[in-house]
Amino acid sequence: MGLDNKKVLLIDDDVVVNKVNKYLIESTGIFDLIESKTAPQEAIEYINDLLVNNQKIPGLIIVDISMPEIDGFEFIDLLDELFEEKGFEEMPVFLILSSSNFKRDFEQFDKTPAVKKFLSKPLQKEEFEKVLEELDFK
């Protein structure tokens, strides 16, 4: 078990956004696997399966802030609970992707230390590569 910094998990309820972001992430040439999910619960199940099967967790998780079931911050809380339940002590790097301009979202971002950056939709290659460099993904 552990983290794999060559794996990315994308979570966005918009299939088109996931495809565009996956293409952009692939174009960086940094990652070996980019998995996308359209619902937070799918992502939780995916990560649970990885844990159960002693496989590595994606080192980078990019999550949309606004989704129908639960928001990105609630997803991070649920994932943290899953990690605690399974005895997994590492924490992936989280990036929040959103078109939100709501003050409460920025305040929540400030209160969630696991989230390293708040990026605007659509994901921009130059900005994304800069963030990856800052976070030491190579």
Protein backbone atom coordinates (compact mmCIF):
# COMPACT_ATOMS: atom_id res chain seq x y z
CA MET A 1 0.00 0.00 0.00
CA GLY A 2 0.95 3.63 -0.07
CA LEU A 3 0.67 6.46 -2.54
CA ASP A 4 1.61 6.37 -6.21
CA ASN A 5 2.57 9.83 -7.43
CA LYS A 6 2.27 8.61 -11.02
CA LYS A 7 -1.48 8.02 -10.57
CA VAL A 8 -4.21 10.69 -10.74
CA LEU A 9 -7.87 10.41 -9.81
CA LEU A 10 -10.30 12.90 -11.41
CA ILE A 11 -13.74 13.36 -9.89
CA ASP A 12 -16.25 15.54 -11.72
CA ASP A 13 -19.91 14.88 -12.44
CA ASP A 14 -19.44 16.25 -15.97
CA VAL A 15 -18.14 13.52 -18.31
CA VAL A 16 -16.90 16.08 -20.85
CA VAL A 17 -14.92 17.98 -18.21
CA ASN A 18 -13.32 14.69 -17.11
CA LYS A 19 -12.34 13.86 -20.71
CA VAL A 20 -10.86 17.31 -21.35
CA ASN A 21 -8.96 17.27 -18.05
CA LYS A 22 -7.73 13.73 -18.65
CA TYR A 23 -6.37 14.76 -22.05
CA LEU A 24 -4.66 17.81 -20.53
CA ILE A 25 -3.12 15.76 -17.72
CA GLU A 26 -1.91 13.11 -20.20
CA SER A 27 -0.26 15.85 -22.25
CA THR A 28 2.07 16.66 -19.34
CA GLY A 29 3.69 13.23 -19.68
CA ILE A 30 4.12 13.03 -15.90
CA PHE A 31 1.50 10.44 -14.96
CA ASP A 32 1.19 6.74 -15.84
CA LEU A 33 -2.49 6.36 -14.95
CA ILE A 34 -5.37 8.83 -14.95
CA GLU A 35 -8.59 7.38 -13.57
CA SER A 36 -11.82 9.40 -13.77
CA LYS A 37 -15.07 9.05 -11.88
CA THR A 38 -18.32 10.98 -12.30
CA ALA A 39 -19.57 10.56 -8.72
CA PRO A 40 -17.82 10.87 -5.36
CA GLN A 41 -19.29 7.53 -4.22
CA GLU A 42 -17.72 5.81 -7.25
CA ALA A 43 -14.39 7.33 -6.26
CA ILE A 44 -14.75 6.15 -2.65
CA GLU A 45 -15.53 2.62 -3.89
CA TYR A 46 -12.55 2.71 -6.26
CA ILE A 47 -10.18 3.77 -3.48
CA ASN A 48 -11.69 1.24 -1.06
CA ASP A 49 -11.07 -1.51 -3.64
CA LEU A 50 -7.45 -0.38 -3.97
CA LEU A 51 -7.02 -0.50 -0.19
CA VAL A 52 -8.69 -3.92 0.13
CA ASN A 53 -6.43 -5.29 -2.62
CA ASN A 54 -3.24 -3.73 -1.16
CA GLN A 55 -2.74 -1.51 -4.19
CA LYS A 56 -1.36 2.00 -4.22
CA ILE A 57 -3.65 5.01 -3.96
CA PRO A 58 -3.38 7.86 -6.49
CA GLY A 59 -0.99 10.45 -5.12
CA LEU A 60 -2.99 13.25 -6.75
CA ILE A 61 -6.76 13.64 -6.57
CA ILE A 62 -8.50 16.42 -8.48
CA VAL A 63 -12.07 16.91 -7.33
CA ASP A 64 -14.87 19.21 -8.45
CA ILE A 65 -16.20 21.32 -5.63
CA SER A 66 -19.85 21.19 -6.70
CA MET A 67 -21.48 17.84 -7.39
CA PRO A 68 -25.08 16.65 -6.94
CA GLU A 69 -24.56 14.09 -4.16
CA ILE A 70 -21.84 15.62 -2.03
CA ASP A 71 -19.36 18.41 -2.61
CA GLY A 72 -15.61 18.07 -2.99
CA PHE A 73 -14.92 18.97 0.62
CA GLU A 74 -17.40 16.37 1.90
CA PHE A 75 -15.72 13.82 -0.38
CA ILE A 76 -12.34 14.60 1.22
CA ASP A 77 -13.88 14.15 4.69
CA LEU A 78 -15.39 10.78 3.67
CA LEU A 79 -12.08 9.66 2.20
CA ASP A 80 -10.28 10.69 5.39
CA GLU A 81 -12.76 8.54 7.37
CA LEU A 82 -12.14 5.60 5.02
CA PHE A 83 -8.38 5.94 5.43
CA GLU A 84 -8.75 6.02 9.20
CA GLU A 85 -11.02 2.97 9.14
CA LYS A 86 -8.55 1.03 6.97
CA GLY A 87 -5.46 2.20 8.90
CA PHE A 88 -4.08 4.07 5.89
CA GLU A 89 -1.97 6.90 7.27
CA GLU A 90 -0.86 8.76 4.14
CA MET A 91 -2.86 11.51 2.48
CA PRO A 92 -2.89 12.20 -1.25
CA VAL A 93 -2.52 15.72 -2.59
CA PHE A 94 -5.93 17.23 -3.33
CA LEU A 95 -6.67 19.93 -5.86
CA ILE A 96 -10.13 21.48 -5.97
CA LEU A 97 -11.37 22.32 -9.44
CA SER A 98 -14.27 24.72 -9.69
CA SER A 99 -15.94 27.58 -11.48
CA SER A 100 -17.24 28.80 -8.11
CA ASN A 101 -16.71 32.35 -6.94
CA PHE A 102 -18.55 31.85 -3.67
CA LYS A 103 -16.78 33.22 -0.62
CA ARG A 104 -17.81 30.18 1.45
CA ASP A 105 -15.94 27.87 -0.94
CA PHE A 106 -12.72 29.85 -0.53
CA GLU A 107 -13.23 29.89 3.24
CA GLN A 108 -13.71 26.10 3.23
CA PHE A 109 -10.57 25.75 1.12
CA ASP A 110 -8.65 27.68 3.77
CA LYS A 111 -9.98 25.29 6.46
CA THR A 112 -9.02 22.11 4.57
CA PRO A 113 -5.24 21.58 4.80
CA ALA A 114 -5.35 18.47 2.58
CA VAL A 115 -6.37 20.71 -0.35
CA LYS A 116 -3.23 22.28 -1.77
CA LYS A 117 -4.74 24.41 -4.53
CA PHE A 118 -8.05 25.79 -5.71
CA LEU A 119 -7.98 25.81 -9.52
CA SER A 120 -10.53 27.39 -11.83
CA LYS A 121 -12.40 25.46 -14.50
CA PRO A 122 -11.48 24.71 -17.13
CA LEU A 123 -8.09 23.35 -16.11
CA GLN A 124 -5.33 25.28 -17.88
CA LYS A 125 -2.16 23.42 -18.86
CA GLU A 126 0.30 26.16 -17.95
CA GLU A 127 -1.27 26.76 -14.54
CA PHE A 128 -1.57 23.01 -13.90
CA GLU A 129 2.09 22.37 -14.77
CA LYS A 130 3.14 25.22 -12.46
CA VAL A 131 1.11 23.70 -9.61
CA LEU A 132 2.63 20.25 -10.27
CA GLU A 133 6.11 21.79 -10.10
CA GLU A 134 5.26 23.58 -6.83
CA LEU A 135 3.96 20.30 -5.37
CA ASP A 136 7.02 18.38 -6.60
CA PHE A 137 5.25 16.10 -9.09
CA LYS A 138 7.75 15.35 -11.85
